[in-house]
Every structure is written in structure tokens, then in C-alpha cells.
């Protein structure tokens, strides 16, 4: 079973998922995205609402409040 939910990215290009934050490309700041996680899985996939894949992250322990960023997302955000 796959859990699928929509989220709105913050202005810092992060989405909240199960008590942690995960990066998306900076062009998706304040945009709606779709997050998917297979039950019991250790990764999440993030896509645009039109279905374009944008990120995959290994999930942190739920509720820890950690921020997990992709190095490419950080570089792109700093360039803006």
C-alpha cells in the first residue's frame, strides 16, 4: 500500500512529512506537491501535482523535527 498526500512547500522550498521537513527544488517554493511513501518504506517520493518527479529522500524517524535537504536543492536555493 502506498500513502499519497498533497503538501504545500514553504517559501524555503521544504515540505512537512510525518514530523520532519524535506527539500524540493526552489522553483516549487509555495507550490502544491504530492508526496508518496510505501507503508513501511524508508523513502518518500515527491512530485508536482501534474505528476513530474522532483525528489526522493530517505525518511527520518517520524516526529524528530529533522530537516533533510538534497545537495542540489541547497545549491539552487543559494543561487537565487
Protein backbone atom coordinates (compact mmCIF):
# COMPACT_ATOMS: atom_id res chain seq x y z
CA UNK A 1 0.00 0.00 0.00
CA UNK A 2 1.22 3.49 -0.86
CA UNK A 3 0.27 6.55 1.20
CA UNK A 4 -0.24 9.60 -1.02
CA UNK A 5 -0.86 13.11 0.29
CA UNK A 6 -0.59 16.66 -1.01
CA UNK A 7 1.53 19.28 0.70
CA UNK A 8 2.33 22.94 0.06
CA UNK A 9 6.04 23.72 0.04
CA UNK A 10 7.26 26.55 2.25
CA UNK A 11 8.99 29.64 0.87
CA UNK A 12 12.24 27.91 1.87
CA UNK A 13 11.33 25.03 -0.51
CA UNK A 14 10.58 22.47 2.22
CA UNK A 15 7.61 20.20 2.79
CA UNK A 16 6.43 18.71 6.08
CA UNK A 17 6.06 14.94 6.25
CA UNK A 18 5.46 12.93 9.41
CA UNK A 19 7.08 15.47 11.72
CA UNK A 20 10.15 16.20 9.56
CA UNK A 21 10.93 18.55 6.66
CA UNK A 22 12.23 17.61 3.22
CA UNK A 23 13.55 19.78 0.41
CA UNK A 24 12.10 20.35 -3.04
CA UNK A 25 13.63 22.39 -5.88
CA UNK A 26 13.40 26.13 -5.12
CA UNK A 27 11.12 26.76 -8.09
CA UNK A 28 8.46 24.81 -6.17
CA UNK A 29 8.53 27.11 -3.13
CA UNK A 30 4.90 27.83 -2.16
CA UNK A 31 3.64 25.26 -4.70
CA UNK A 32 1.45 22.24 -4.08
CA UNK A 33 3.23 18.88 -4.42
CA UNK A 34 2.31 15.23 -3.98
CA UNK A 35 4.21 13.04 -1.50
CA UNK A 36 4.16 9.24 -1.68
CA UNK A 37 5.53 6.66 0.73
CA UNK A 38 5.11 2.92 0.63
CA UNK A 39 3.87 1.71 4.03
CA UNK A 40 6.91 0.57 5.97
CA UNK A 41 9.21 2.08 3.32
CA UNK A 42 12.24 4.19 4.10
CA UNK A 43 11.96 6.70 1.22
CA UNK A 44 9.48 9.31 0.06
CA UNK A 45 8.93 10.43 -3.49
CA UNK A 46 7.82 13.99 -4.20
CA UNK A 47 6.17 15.03 -7.46
CA UNK A 48 4.38 18.02 -8.90
CA UNK A 49 0.59 17.79 -8.94
CA UNK A 50 0.84 17.13 -12.69
CA UNK A 51 2.99 14.07 -11.94
CA UNK A 52 6.51 15.29 -12.64
CA UNK A 53 9.02 13.61 -10.30
CA UNK A 54 11.08 16.18 -8.34
CA UNK A 55 12.74 14.46 -5.37
CA UNK A 56 13.39 11.26 -3.45
CA UNK A 57 14.51 11.37 0.17
CA UNK A 58 15.34 8.75 2.76
CA UNK A 59 12.90 9.41 5.60
CA UNK A 60 13.98 10.42 9.07
CA UNK A 61 12.47 8.88 12.18
CA UNK A 62 8.91 10.29 12.35
CA UNK A 63 8.47 13.25 14.68
CA UNK A 64 12.13 14.12 15.24
CA UNK A 65 11.83 17.51 13.58
CA UNK A 66 14.84 16.96 11.32
CA UNK A 67 15.33 18.76 8.02
CA UNK A 68 16.62 16.64 5.16
CA UNK A 69 17.88 18.51 2.11
CA UNK A 70 19.15 17.38 -1.27
CA UNK A 71 22.53 18.99 -2.05
CA UNK A 72 21.26 20.07 -5.48
CA UNK A 73 18.27 21.80 -3.92
CA UNK A 74 20.55 23.66 -1.47
CA UNK A 75 22.86 24.84 -4.27
CA UNK A 76 19.92 26.02 -6.39
CA UNK A 77 18.32 27.81 -3.42
CA UNK A 78 21.59 29.60 -2.58
CA UNK A 79 21.92 30.73 -6.20
CA UNK A 80 18.60 32.57 -6.09
